[in-house]
Amino acid sequence: MAHLTERRGDTVHIDVIDQWGNMVSATPSGGWLQSSPVVPGLGMPLNSRAQMFWLDEGLPTSLAPGRRPRTTLSPSMAARTDGSLDLTFGTPGGDQQDQWQLIYFLRLVHGDLNLQEGIDAPLFHTGHLQSSFYPRGVRPGHLMVEPAFDEAVIADLRRRGHDIELAEPWTVGRLTAASRDRDGLLKAAATPRLMQAYAAGR
């Protein structure tokens, strides 16, 4: 298995809706041999999300019976209460998952964008929070933004004290989504960023 040490694993995300309206939003991650080696004497690897436990006692995510580690996996679903739309969406991306998904959801709800427009609009995220992953770094004031944002907006963020990091164009976010309306019309959308995702129907 030595050849696997040169390869980085990554999280994936999938959204599926069938003709009857059954929905799946899944973000599988954490079973890679290169980041979850077999523990000597145990005979199996720990899920890589176990790295989010703390060994210090007394913390909310301290390793203890019955505790769950912090996780960055957040496959999502939403539905309008009037039954007019069901939605499934998500993304890989570690601590950025919840950030990108919230931005996307707010664009759909308050920005009146369609599935693809919400994904294609420029994205951002912060490193100001403590990372879930070792060495659990913090980047105070950090804000990564895609350069498609208006230059005046970026300048204003800098003026307000944000430590702006300009990303390469079309590199922030890995969102996908699928929806079903009350008439049964299915729609799907996927990010064009990094050419890693696609939407398909049949």
N, C-alpha and C. Protein backbone atom coordinates (compact mmCIF):
# COMPACT_ATOMS: atom_id res chain seq x y z
N MET A 1 0.81 -1.20 0.00
CA MET A 1 0.00 0.00 0.00
C MET A 1 0.86 1.27 0.00
N ALA A 2 2.18 1.14 -0.11
CA ALA A 2 3.05 2.32 -0.03
C ALA A 2 2.72 3.35 -1.10
N HIS A 3 2.29 2.90 -2.28
CA HIS A 3 2.00 3.83 -3.36
C HIS A 3 0.87 4.78 -3.01
N LEU A 4 0.00 4.43 -2.05
CA LEU A 4 -1.12 5.29 -1.68
C LEU A 4 -0.68 6.51 -0.89
N THR A 5 0.52 6.48 -0.32
CA THR A 5 0.96 7.62 0.48
C THR A 5 1.18 8.85 -0.38
N GLU A 6 1.32 8.68 -1.68
CA GLU A 6 1.51 9.82 -2.58
C GLU A 6 0.20 10.40 -3.06
N ARG A 7 -0.92 9.78 -2.71
CA ARG A 7 -2.21 10.25 -3.18
C ARG A 7 -3.01 10.84 -2.03
N ARG A 8 -3.64 11.97 -2.28
CA ARG A 8 -4.49 12.58 -1.27
C ARG A 8 -5.93 12.15 -1.48
N GLY A 9 -6.56 11.69 -0.43
CA GLY A 9 -7.98 11.39 -0.50
C GLY A 9 -8.77 12.69 -0.38
N ASP A 10 -10.03 12.64 -0.73
CA ASP A 10 -10.87 13.81 -0.58
C ASP A 10 -12.30 13.36 -0.38
N THR A 11 -13.07 14.24 0.18
CA THR A 11 -14.48 13.99 0.38
C THR A 11 -15.21 14.12 -0.95
N VAL A 12 -16.33 13.44 -1.08
CA VAL A 12 -17.19 13.59 -2.25
C VAL A 12 -18.60 13.95 -1.76
N HIS A 13 -19.43 14.40 -2.69
CA HIS A 13 -20.82 14.67 -2.34
C HIS A 13 -21.71 14.27 -3.50
N ILE A 14 -22.89 13.74 -3.19
CA ILE A 14 -23.85 13.36 -4.23
C ILE A 14 -25.26 13.71 -3.77
N ASP A 15 -26.06 14.22 -4.72
CA ASP A 15 -27.48 14.51 -4.50
C ASP A 15 -28.28 13.72 -5.51
N VAL A 16 -29.31 13.01 -5.07
CA VAL A 16 -30.12 12.20 -5.96
C VAL A 16 -31.59 12.38 -5.58
N ILE A 17 -32.44 12.53 -6.60
CA ILE A 17 -33.90 12.50 -6.40
C ILE A 17 -34.46 11.59 -7.48
N ASP A 18 -35.29 10.62 -7.07
CA ASP A 18 -35.88 9.73 -8.07
C ASP A 18 -37.27 10.23 -8.49
N GLN A 19 -37.88 9.50 -9.41
CA GLN A 19 -39.15 9.94 -9.98
C GLN A 19 -40.28 9.99 -8.96
N TRP A 20 -40.15 9.29 -7.86
CA TRP A 20 -41.18 9.29 -6.81
C TRP A 20 -40.92 10.35 -5.73
N GLY A 21 -39.80 11.06 -5.86
CA GLY A 21 -39.50 12.11 -4.89
C GLY A 21 -38.62 11.67 -3.74
N ASN A 22 -38.14 10.43 -3.76
CA ASN A 22 -37.19 10.00 -2.73
C ASN A 22 -35.89 10.77 -2.94
N MET A 23 -35.33 11.30 -1.86
CA MET A 23 -34.15 12.15 -1.96
C MET A 23 -33.00 11.59 -1.13
N VAL A 24 -31.79 11.74 -1.66
CA VAL A 24 -30.58 11.37 -0.93
C VAL A 24 -29.59 12.52 -1.05
N SER A 25 -29.03 12.91 0.06
CA SER A 25 -27.92 13.86 0.09
C SER A 25 -26.84 13.19 0.92
N ALA A 26 -25.70 12.89 0.30
CA ALA A 26 -24.67 12.11 0.99
C ALA A 26 -23.30 12.75 0.78
N THR A 27 -22.54 12.81 1.86
CA THR A 27 -21.18 13.34 1.81
C THR A 27 -20.25 12.33 2.48
N PRO A 28 -19.96 11.21 1.80
CA PRO A 28 -19.09 10.20 2.41
C PRO A 28 -17.64 10.67 2.47
N SER A 29 -16.99 10.35 3.56
CA SER A 29 -15.61 10.77 3.75
C SER A 29 -15.03 10.06 4.95
N GLY A 30 -13.72 9.89 4.94
CA GLY A 30 -13.07 9.49 6.17
C GLY A 30 -12.61 8.06 6.26
N GLY A 31 -12.60 7.29 5.19
CA GLY A 31 -12.15 5.92 5.28
C GLY A 31 -10.89 5.64 4.49
N TRP A 32 -10.05 6.63 4.32
CA TRP A 32 -8.87 6.46 3.48
C TRP A 32 -7.74 5.79 4.25
N LEU A 33 -7.13 4.81 3.66
CA LEU A 33 -6.03 4.11 4.32
C LEU A 33 -4.86 5.04 4.60
N GLN A 34 -4.60 6.00 3.70
CA GLN A 34 -3.44 6.85 3.90
C GLN A 34 -3.61 7.84 5.06
N SER A 35 -4.85 8.19 5.42
CA SER A 35 -5.02 9.11 6.54
C SER A 35 -5.60 8.41 7.76
N SER A 36 -5.97 7.16 7.63
CA SER A 36 -6.52 6.38 8.73
C SER A 36 -5.82 5.03 8.79
N PRO A 37 -4.54 5.01 9.18
CA PRO A 37 -3.81 3.73 9.18
C PRO A 37 -4.39 2.76 10.21
N VAL A 38 -4.16 1.50 9.97
CA VAL A 38 -4.61 0.46 10.91
C VAL A 38 -3.86 0.63 12.22
N VAL A 39 -4.59 0.65 13.31
CA VAL A 39 -4.01 0.82 14.64
C VAL A 39 -3.43 -0.51 15.08
N PRO A 40 -2.12 -0.57 15.43
CA PRO A 40 -1.51 -1.82 15.86
C PRO A 40 -2.29 -2.44 17.02
N GLY A 41 -2.56 -3.72 16.91
CA GLY A 41 -3.29 -4.43 17.97
C GLY A 41 -4.80 -4.32 17.83
N LEU A 42 -5.29 -3.34 17.07
CA LEU A 42 -6.73 -3.16 16.90
C LEU A 42 -7.23 -3.90 15.66
N GLY A 43 -6.41 -3.90 14.60
CA GLY A 43 -6.74 -4.64 13.39
C GLY A 43 -7.65 -3.90 12.44
N MET A 44 -7.95 -2.64 12.72
CA MET A 44 -8.79 -1.86 11.80
C MET A 44 -8.44 -0.38 11.95
N PRO A 45 -8.73 0.42 10.92
CA PRO A 45 -8.46 1.85 11.05
C PRO A 45 -9.61 2.57 11.75
N LEU A 46 -9.29 3.66 12.40
CA LEU A 46 -10.32 4.55 12.92
C LEU A 46 -10.79 5.44 11.78
N ASN A 47 -12.02 5.86 11.82
CA ASN A 47 -12.50 6.82 10.84
C ASN A 47 -11.67 8.09 10.98
N SER A 48 -11.32 8.72 9.88
CA SER A 48 -10.43 9.89 9.97
C SER A 48 -11.10 11.06 10.68
N ARG A 49 -12.43 11.04 10.84
CA ARG A 49 -13.07 12.10 11.61
C ARG A 49 -12.73 11.99 13.10
N ALA A 50 -12.20 10.85 13.52
CA ALA A 50 -11.78 10.71 14.91
C ALA A 50 -10.64 11.66 15.24
N GLN A 51 -9.94 12.16 14.23
CA GLN A 51 -8.89 13.14 14.49
C GLN A 51 -9.45 14.43 15.07
N MET A 52 -10.77 14.62 15.01
CA MET A 52 -11.38 15.83 15.54
C MET A 52 -11.66 15.75 17.03
N PHE A 53 -11.48 14.57 17.63
CA PHE A 53 -11.54 14.48 19.08
C PHE A 53 -10.34 15.20 19.70
N TRP A 54 -10.52 15.70 20.91
CA TRP A 54 -9.42 16.24 21.70
C TRP A 54 -9.09 15.23 22.80
N LEU A 55 -7.82 15.07 23.09
CA LEU A 55 -7.43 14.17 24.18
C LEU A 55 -7.38 14.90 25.51
N ASP A 56 -7.47 16.23 25.50
CA ASP A 56 -7.57 16.99 26.76
C ASP A 56 -8.96 16.76 27.35
N GLU A 57 -9.03 16.57 28.66
CA GLU A 57 -10.31 16.32 29.31
C GLU A 57 -11.10 17.62 29.50
N GLY A 58 -12.43 17.47 29.54
CA GLY A 58 -13.29 18.59 29.89
C GLY A 58 -13.72 19.48 28.74
N LEU A 59 -13.34 19.16 27.52
CA LEU A 59 -13.75 19.94 26.37
C LEU A 59 -14.97 19.31 25.72
N PRO A 60 -15.77 20.06 24.97
CA PRO A 60 -16.97 19.48 24.35
C PRO A 60 -16.67 18.29 23.45
N THR A 61 -15.50 18.24 22.83
CA THR A 61 -15.18 17.11 21.96
C THR A 61 -14.04 16.27 22.52
N SER A 62 -13.89 16.26 23.84
CA SER A 62 -12.90 15.38 24.44
C SER A 62 -13.30 13.93 24.20
N LEU A 63 -12.30 13.08 23.94
CA LEU A 63 -12.55 11.67 23.70
C LEU A 63 -13.10 11.02 24.97
N ALA A 64 -14.32 10.49 24.87
CA ALA A 64 -14.98 9.86 26.02
C ALA A 64 -16.11 8.99 25.49
N PRO A 65 -16.52 7.97 26.27
CA PRO A 65 -17.63 7.12 25.83
C PRO A 65 -18.89 7.94 25.55
N GLY A 66 -19.58 7.60 24.48
CA GLY A 66 -20.83 8.26 24.15
C GLY A 66 -20.69 9.61 23.47
N ARG A 67 -19.49 10.07 23.29
CA ARG A 67 -19.27 11.37 22.65
C ARG A 67 -19.14 11.20 21.15
N ARG A 68 -19.55 12.21 20.43
CA ARG A 68 -19.35 12.24 18.98
C ARG A 68 -18.34 13.34 18.66
N PRO A 69 -17.42 13.06 17.75
CA PRO A 69 -16.47 14.11 17.40
C PRO A 69 -17.15 15.18 16.56
N ARG A 70 -16.57 16.36 16.58
CA ARG A 70 -16.99 17.42 15.66
C ARG A 70 -16.85 16.85 14.24
N THR A 71 -17.72 17.25 13.35
CA THR A 71 -17.61 16.78 11.98
C THR A 71 -17.87 17.92 11.01
N THR A 72 -17.25 17.83 9.86
CA THR A 72 -17.48 18.84 8.84
C THR A 72 -18.46 18.35 7.79
N LEU A 73 -18.94 17.13 7.92
CA LEU A 73 -19.83 16.57 6.92
C LEU A 73 -21.25 17.06 7.15
N SER A 74 -21.83 17.69 6.13
CA SER A 74 -23.16 18.26 6.34
C SER A 74 -24.02 18.19 5.08
N PRO A 75 -24.33 16.97 4.59
CA PRO A 75 -25.27 16.87 3.49
C PRO A 75 -26.60 17.50 3.92
N SER A 76 -27.25 18.19 3.00
CA SER A 76 -28.41 19.00 3.40
C SER A 76 -29.63 18.77 2.53
N MET A 77 -30.79 18.99 3.14
CA MET A 77 -32.08 18.94 2.44
C MET A 77 -32.95 20.08 2.96
N ALA A 78 -33.82 20.56 2.09
CA ALA A 78 -34.77 21.60 2.48
C ALA A 78 -36.06 21.38 1.70
N ALA A 79 -37.17 21.83 2.26
CA ALA A 79 -38.46 21.71 1.59
C ALA A 79 -39.31 22.92 1.94
N ARG A 80 -40.05 23.39 0.96
CA ARG A 80 -41.02 24.46 1.23
C ARG A 80 -42.22 23.85 1.92
N THR A 81 -42.74 24.54 2.91
CA THR A 81 -43.86 24.00 3.68
C THR A 81 -45.12 23.83 2.85
N ASP A 82 -45.23 24.58 1.75
CA ASP A 82 -46.42 24.43 0.90
C ASP A 82 -46.28 23.28 -0.10
N GLY A 83 -45.16 22.55 -0.03
CA GLY A 83 -44.97 21.40 -0.90
C GLY A 83 -44.56 21.74 -2.32
N SER A 84 -44.23 23.00 -2.58
CA SER A 84 -43.93 23.41 -3.95
C SER A 84 -42.52 23.05 -4.39
N LEU A 85 -41.62 22.74 -3.44
CA LEU A 85 -40.25 22.43 -3.83
C LEU A 85 -39.55 21.61 -2.76
N ASP A 86 -38.84 20.56 -3.20
CA ASP A 86 -37.94 19.79 -2.35
C ASP A 86 -36.54 19.99 -2.90
N LEU A 87 -35.57 20.12 -2.02
CA LEU A 87 -34.21 20.45 -2.44
C LEU A 87 -33.21 19.60 -1.67
N THR A 88 -32.19 19.11 -2.37
CA THR A 88 -31.07 18.43 -1.74
C THR A 88 -29.80 19.07 -2.29
N PHE A 89 -28.83 19.33 -1.40
CA PHE A 89 -27.62 20.03 -1.83
C PHE A 89 -26.47 19.75 -0.87
N GLY A 90 -25.25 20.03 -1.32
CA GLY A 90 -24.10 19.83 -0.47
C GLY A 90 -22.80 20.04 -1.23
N THR A 91 -21.70 19.76 -0.53
CA THR A 91 -20.38 19.97 -1.09
C THR A 91 -19.33 19.27 -0.24
N PRO A 92 -18.24 18.81 -0.84
CA PRO A 92 -17.06 18.51 -0.04
C PRO A 92 -16.39 19.82 0.35
N GLY A 93 -15.38 19.76 1.21
CA GLY A 93 -14.64 20.99 1.49
C GLY A 93 -14.31 21.25 2.95
N GLY A 94 -14.29 20.23 3.80
CA GLY A 94 -13.87 20.44 5.19
C GLY A 94 -14.68 21.51 5.89
N ASP A 95 -13.99 22.41 6.57
CA ASP A 95 -14.67 23.45 7.34
C ASP A 95 -15.40 24.46 6.45
N GLN A 96 -15.18 24.41 5.16
CA GLN A 96 -15.88 25.34 4.27
C GLN A 96 -17.27 24.83 3.88
N GLN A 97 -17.57 23.56 4.14
CA GLN A 97 -18.85 23.00 3.69
C GLN A 97 -20.04 23.80 4.18
N ASP A 98 -20.14 24.01 5.49
CA ASP A 98 -21.29 24.74 6.02
C ASP A 98 -21.31 26.18 5.52
N GLN A 99 -20.14 26.77 5.34
CA GLN A 99 -20.08 28.16 4.87
C GLN A 99 -20.63 28.25 3.44
N TRP A 100 -20.13 27.42 2.54
CA TRP A 100 -20.58 27.47 1.14
C TRP A 100 -22.05 27.11 1.02
N GLN A 101 -22.49 26.12 1.78
CA GLN A 101 -23.88 25.68 1.69
C GLN A 101 -24.84 26.75 2.20
N LEU A 102 -24.47 27.44 3.27
CA LEU A 102 -25.34 28.51 3.78
C LEU A 102 -25.43 29.65 2.77
N ILE A 103 -24.30 30.02 2.19
CA ILE A 103 -24.31 31.07 1.15
C ILE A 103 -25.24 30.65 0.02
N TYR A 104 -25.10 29.41 -0.42
CA TYR A 104 -25.92 28.90 -1.53
C TYR A 104 -27.40 28.92 -1.17
N PHE A 105 -27.74 28.41 0.00
CA PHE A 105 -29.13 28.35 0.42
C PHE A 105 -29.75 29.75 0.51
N LEU A 106 -29.02 30.69 1.06
CA LEU A 106 -29.53 32.06 1.16
C LEU A 106 -29.72 32.68 -0.22
N ARG A 107 -28.86 32.34 -1.16
CA ARG A 107 -29.03 32.84 -2.53
C ARG A 107 -30.32 32.31 -3.15
N LEU A 108 -30.66 31.06 -2.87
CA LEU A 108 -31.89 30.49 -3.41
C LEU A 108 -33.12 31.11 -2.75
N VAL A 109 -33.05 31.25 -1.43
CA VAL A 109 -34.22 31.72 -0.68
C VAL A 109 -34.42 33.22 -0.81
N HIS A 110 -33.36 33.99 -0.65
CA HIS A 110 -33.50 35.45 -0.62
C HIS A 110 -33.04 36.13 -1.91
N GLY A 111 -32.19 35.46 -2.68
CA GLY A 111 -31.68 36.07 -3.90
C GLY A 111 -32.47 35.68 -5.13
N ASP A 112 -33.42 34.75 -4.97
CA ASP A 112 -34.27 34.32 -6.06
C ASP A 112 -33.48 33.81 -7.26
N LEU A 113 -32.33 33.17 -7.00
CA LEU A 113 -31.53 32.59 -8.07
C LEU A 113 -31.98 31.15 -8.31
N ASN A 114 -31.76 30.64 -9.51
CA ASN A 114 -32.07 29.24 -9.75
C ASN A 114 -30.90 28.38 -9.27
N LEU A 115 -31.05 27.06 -9.36
CA LEU A 115 -30.03 26.15 -8.81
C LEU A 115 -28.64 26.45 -9.35
N GLN A 116 -28.52 26.61 -10.67
CA GLN A 116 -27.20 26.81 -11.26
C GLN A 116 -26.66 28.22 -11.01
N GLU A 117 -27.52 29.23 -11.06
CA GLU A 117 -27.08 30.60 -10.79
C GLU A 117 -26.51 30.73 -9.38
N GLY A 118 -27.16 30.08 -8.42
CA GLY A 118 -26.68 30.14 -7.04
C GLY A 118 -25.31 29.52 -6.87
N ILE A 119 -25.05 28.45 -7.64
CA ILE A 119 -23.74 27.80 -7.60
C ILE A 119 -22.68 28.63 -8.32
N ASP A 120 -23.06 29.22 -9.45
CA ASP A 120 -22.09 29.94 -10.29
C ASP A 120 -21.68 31.29 -9.71
N ALA A 121 -22.51 31.88 -8.86
CA ALA A 121 -22.16 33.19 -8.28
C ALA A 121 -20.87 33.03 -7.45
N PRO A 122 -20.06 34.11 -7.36
CA PRO A 122 -18.78 33.99 -6.65
C PRO A 122 -18.96 33.60 -5.19
N LEU A 123 -17.99 32.85 -4.69
CA LEU A 123 -18.05 32.34 -3.33
C LEU A 123 -16.90 32.87 -2.47
N PHE A 124 -17.05 32.69 -1.18
CA PHE A 124 -16.03 33.10 -0.21
C PHE A 124 -16.11 32.18 1.00
N HIS A 125 -15.08 32.19 1.82
CA HIS A 125 -15.12 31.51 3.12
C HIS A 125 -14.05 32.10 4.03
N THR A 126 -14.20 31.84 5.31
CA THR A 126 -13.25 32.37 6.29
C THR A 126 -12.44 31.24 6.93
N GLY A 127 -11.22 31.58 7.33
CA GLY A 127 -10.38 30.68 8.11
C GLY A 127 -10.28 31.17 9.54
N HIS A 128 -11.17 32.11 9.92
CA HIS A 128 -11.13 32.74 11.24
C HIS A 128 -11.47 31.75 12.35
N LEU A 129 -12.23 30.71 12.03
CA LEU A 129 -12.59 29.72 13.05
C LEU A 129 -11.48 28.68 13.18
N GLN A 130 -11.46 28.01 14.30
CA GLN A 130 -10.44 26.98 14.52
C GLN A 130 -10.68 25.80 13.59
N SER A 131 -9.64 25.40 12.89
CA SER A 131 -9.75 24.29 11.94
C SER A 131 -10.12 22.99 12.65
N SER A 132 -10.92 22.19 11.99
CA SER A 132 -11.28 20.88 12.54
C SER A 132 -10.14 19.89 12.42
N PHE A 133 -9.16 20.20 11.59
CA PHE A 133 -8.11 19.25 11.27
C PHE A 133 -6.77 19.66 11.89
N TYR A 134 -5.97 18.67 12.24
CA TYR A 134 -4.66 18.91 12.80
C TYR A 134 -3.83 19.75 11.83
N PRO A 135 -3.11 20.75 12.29
CA PRO A 135 -2.86 21.12 13.68
C PRO A 135 -3.85 22.11 14.27
N ARG A 136 -5.06 22.18 13.71
CA ARG A 136 -6.16 22.99 14.23
C ARG A 136 -5.82 24.49 14.26
N GLY A 137 -5.28 24.95 13.17
CA GLY A 137 -4.86 26.35 13.09
C GLY A 137 -6.03 27.32 13.01
N VAL A 138 -5.72 28.56 13.28
CA VAL A 138 -6.69 29.66 13.20
C VAL A 138 -6.04 30.78 12.39
N ARG A 139 -6.81 31.40 11.51
CA ARG A 139 -6.32 32.53 10.72
C ARG A 139 -7.20 33.73 10.99
N PRO A 140 -6.91 34.48 12.07
CA PRO A 140 -7.77 35.61 12.46
C PRO A 140 -7.99 36.60 11.32
N GLY A 141 -9.25 36.93 11.08
CA GLY A 141 -9.61 37.92 10.08
C GLY A 141 -9.54 37.44 8.65
N HIS A 142 -9.12 36.19 8.43
CA HIS A 142 -8.92 35.67 7.07
C HIS A 142 -10.24 35.54 6.32
N LEU A 143 -10.23 35.95 5.07
CA LEU A 143 -11.38 35.79 4.20
C LEU A 143 -10.88 35.50 2.79
N MET A 144 -11.14 34.30 2.30
CA MET A 144 -10.79 33.95 0.91
C MET A 144 -11.97 34.28 0.03
N VAL A 145 -11.73 35.04 -1.03
CA VAL A 145 -12.79 35.43 -1.93
C VAL A 145 -12.38 35.17 -3.37
N GLU A 146 -13.37 34.83 -4.18
CA GLU A 146 -13.10 34.69 -5.60
C GLU A 146 -13.01 36.08 -6.23
N PRO A 147 -12.14 36.26 -7.22
CA PRO A 147 -11.94 37.58 -7.81
C PRO A 147 -13.13 38.09 -8.62
N ALA A 148 -14.17 37.27 -8.80
CA ALA A 148 -15.36 37.72 -9.52
C ALA A 148 -16.20 38.70 -8.72
N PHE A 149 -15.92 38.83 -7.40
CA PHE A 149 -16.60 39.86 -6.63
C PHE A 149 -16.16 41.23 -7.13
N ASP A 150 -17.04 42.21 -7.04
CA ASP A 150 -16.72 43.57 -7.45
C ASP A 150 -15.51 44.08 -6.68
N GLU A 151 -14.59 44.76 -7.36
CA GLU A 151 -13.38 45.27 -6.72
C GLU A 151 -13.70 46.21 -5.57
N ALA A 152 -14.78 46.97 -5.68
CA ALA A 152 -15.17 47.89 -4.60
C ALA A 152 -15.57 47.12 -3.35
N VAL A 153 -16.22 45.97 -3.53
CA VAL A 153 -16.60 45.14 -2.38
C VAL A 153 -15.36 44.61 -1.68
N ILE A 154 -14.41 44.12 -2.47
CA ILE A 154 -13.18 43.58 -1.91
C ILE A 154 -12.40 44.67 -1.19
N ALA A 155 -12.33 45.87 -1.78
CA ALA A 155 -11.63 46.99 -1.15
C ALA A 155 -12.30 47.38 0.16
N ASP A 156 -13.64 47.34 0.20
CA ASP A 156 -14.36 47.69 1.42
C ASP A 156 -14.12 46.66 2.51
N LEU A 157 -14.04 45.39 2.13
CA LEU A 157 -13.75 44.35 3.12
C LEU A 157 -12.36 44.56 3.72
N ARG A 158 -11.40 44.92 2.88
CA ARG A 158 -10.05 45.22 3.38
C ARG A 158 -10.09 46.42 4.34
N ARG A 159 -10.83 47.44 3.95
CA ARG A 159 -10.94 48.65 4.79
C ARG A 159 -11.52 48.31 6.16
N ARG A 160 -12.40 47.33 6.19
CA ARG A 160 -13.03 46.93 7.46
C ARG A 160 -12.13 46.01 8.29
N GLY A 161 -10.95 45.66 7.78
CA GLY A 161 -10.00 44.88 8.56
C GLY A 161 -9.89 43.42 8.21
N HIS A 162 -10.60 42.97 7.19
CA HIS A 162 -10.48 41.57 6.79
C HIS A 162 -9.14 41.34 6.09
N ASP A 163 -8.54 40.19 6.39
CA ASP A 163 -7.31 39.78 5.73
C ASP A 163 -7.71 39.02 4.48
N ILE A 164 -7.80 39.73 3.36
CA ILE A 164 -8.33 39.17 2.13
C ILE A 164 -7.28 38.34 1.40
N GLU A 165 -7.67 37.12 1.04
CA GLU A 165 -6.86 36.27 0.17
C GLU A 165 -7.66 36.06 -1.10
N LEU A 166 -7.16 36.55 -2.22
CA LEU A 166 -7.85 36.36 -3.48
C LEU A 166 -7.55 34.96 -4.02
N ALA A 167 -8.60 34.20 -4.26
CA ALA A 167 -8.45 32.86 -4.81
C ALA A 167 -8.23 32.96 -6.32
N GLU A 168 -7.77 31.89 -6.90
CA GLU A 168 -7.74 31.81 -8.35
C GLU A 168 -9.19 31.79 -8.84
N PRO A 169 -9.46 32.31 -10.03
CA PRO A 169 -10.84 32.30 -10.54
C PRO A 169 -11.42 30.88 -10.57
N TRP A 170 -12.68 30.77 -10.20
CA TRP A 170 -13.42 29.51 -10.27
C TRP A 170 -12.76 28.38 -9.48
N THR A 171 -12.33 28.65 -8.25
CA THR A 171 -11.70 27.60 -7.45
C THR A 171 -12.31 27.42 -6.07
N VAL A 172 -13.28 28.25 -5.68
CA VAL A 172 -13.85 28.17 -4.33
C VAL A 172 -15.23 27.51 -4.40
N GLY A 173 -15.39 26.40 -3.68
CA GLY A 173 -16.68 25.73 -3.63
C GLY A 173 -16.76 24.52 -4.55
N ARG A 174 -17.55 23.51 -4.13
CA ARG A 174 -17.74 22.29 -4.92
C ARG A 174 -19.21 21.89 -4.92
N LEU A 175 -20.10 22.85 -4.88
CA LEU A 175 -21.52 22.61 -4.66
C LEU A 175 -22.21 21.82 -5.77
N THR A 176 -23.16 20.98 -5.37
CA THR A 176 -24.11 20.35 -6.28
C THR A 176 -25.49 20.43 -5.64
N ALA A 177 -26.54 20.31 -6.46
CA ALA A 177 -27.90 20.39 -5.93
C ALA A 177 -28.87 19.69 -6.88
N ALA A 178 -29.99 19.28 -6.32
CA ALA A 178 -31.09 18.73 -7.12
C ALA A 178 -32.40 19.14 -6.47
N SER A 179 -33.43 19.33 -7.30
CA SER A 179 -34.73 19.74 -6.75
C SER A 179 -35.86 19.05 -7.48
N ARG A 180 -37.02 19.03 -6.83
CA ARG A 180 -38.24 18.46 -7.40
C ARG A 180 -39.38 19.38 -7.02
N ASP A 181 -40.13 19.86 -8.03
CA ASP A 181 -41.26 20.73 -7.71
C ASP A 181 -42.55 19.91 -7.56
N ARG A 182 -43.65 20.58 -7.24
CA ARG A 182 -44.90 19.85 -6.94
C ARG A 182 -45.46 19.11 -8.14
N ASP A 183 -45.05 19.53 -9.36
CA ASP A 183 -45.48 18.82 -10.57
C ASP A 183 -44.56 17.66 -10.93
N GLY A 184 -43.52 17.42 -10.13
CA GLY A 184 -42.60 16.32 -10.37
C GLY A 184 -41.43 16.66 -11.27
N LEU A 185 -41.31 17.94 -11.67
CA LEU A 185 -40.18 18.34 -12.52
C LEU A 185 -38.89 18.27 -11.71
N LEU A 186 -37.92 17.51 -12.21
CA LEU A 186 -36.63 17.34 -11.56
C LEU A 186 -35.61 18.27 -12.21
N LYS A 187 -34.79 18.91 -11.39
CA LYS A 187 -33.71 19.77 -11.87
C LYS A 187 -32.46 19.44 -11.08
N ALA A 188 -31.30 19.67 -11.70
CA ALA A 188 -30.03 19.45 -11.01
C ALA A 188 -29.03 20.49 -11.48
N ALA A 189 -28.05 20.75 -10.65
CA ALA A 189 -27.00 21.72 -10.99
C ALA A 189 -25.71 21.26 -10.33
N ALA A 190 -24.59 21.64 -10.95
CA ALA A 190 -23.28 21.26 -10.41
C ALA A 190 -22.27 22.35 -10.72
N THR A 191 -21.32 22.49 -9.83
CA THR A 191 -20.31 23.52 -10.02
C THR A 191 -19.41 23.21 -11.22
N PRO A 192 -19.06 24.25 -11.99
CA PRO A 192 -18.05 24.06 -13.03
C PRO A 192 -16.64 24.20 -12.48
N ARG A 193 -16.52 24.62 -11.22
CA ARG A 193 -15.21 24.87 -10.63
C ARG A 193 -14.37 23.59 -10.62
N LEU A 194 -13.15 23.69 -11.08
CA LEU A 194 -12.17 22.61 -11.09
C LEU A 194 -12.60 21.39 -11.91
N MET A 195 -13.70 21.53 -12.65
CA MET A 195 -14.14 20.45 -13.56
C MET A 195 -14.25 19.10 -12.84
N GLN A 196 -14.86 19.09 -11.65
CA GLN A 196 -14.95 17.87 -10.87
C GLN A 196 -16.36 17.34 -10.71
N ALA A 197 -17.38 18.12 -11.08
CA ALA A 197 -18.76 17.74 -10.79
C ALA A 197 -19.61 17.82 -12.04
N TYR A 198 -20.73 17.14 -12.02
CA TYR A 198 -21.67 17.25 -13.13
C TYR A 198 -23.08 16.93 -12.64
N ALA A 199 -24.06 17.41 -13.40
CA ALA A 199 -25.46 17.12 -13.13
C ALA A 199 -26.00 16.27 -14.27
N ALA A 200 -26.82 15.28 -13.96
CA ALA A 200 -27.35 14.39 -15.00
C ALA A 200 -28.78 13.99 -14.64
N GLY A 201 -29.57 13.72 -15.65
CA GLY A 201 -30.93 13.26 -15.42
C GLY A 201 -31.29 12.19 -16.45
N ARG A 202 -32.22 11.33 -16.09
CA ARG A 202 -32.70 10.33 -17.05
C ARG A 202 -34.08 9.85 -16.66
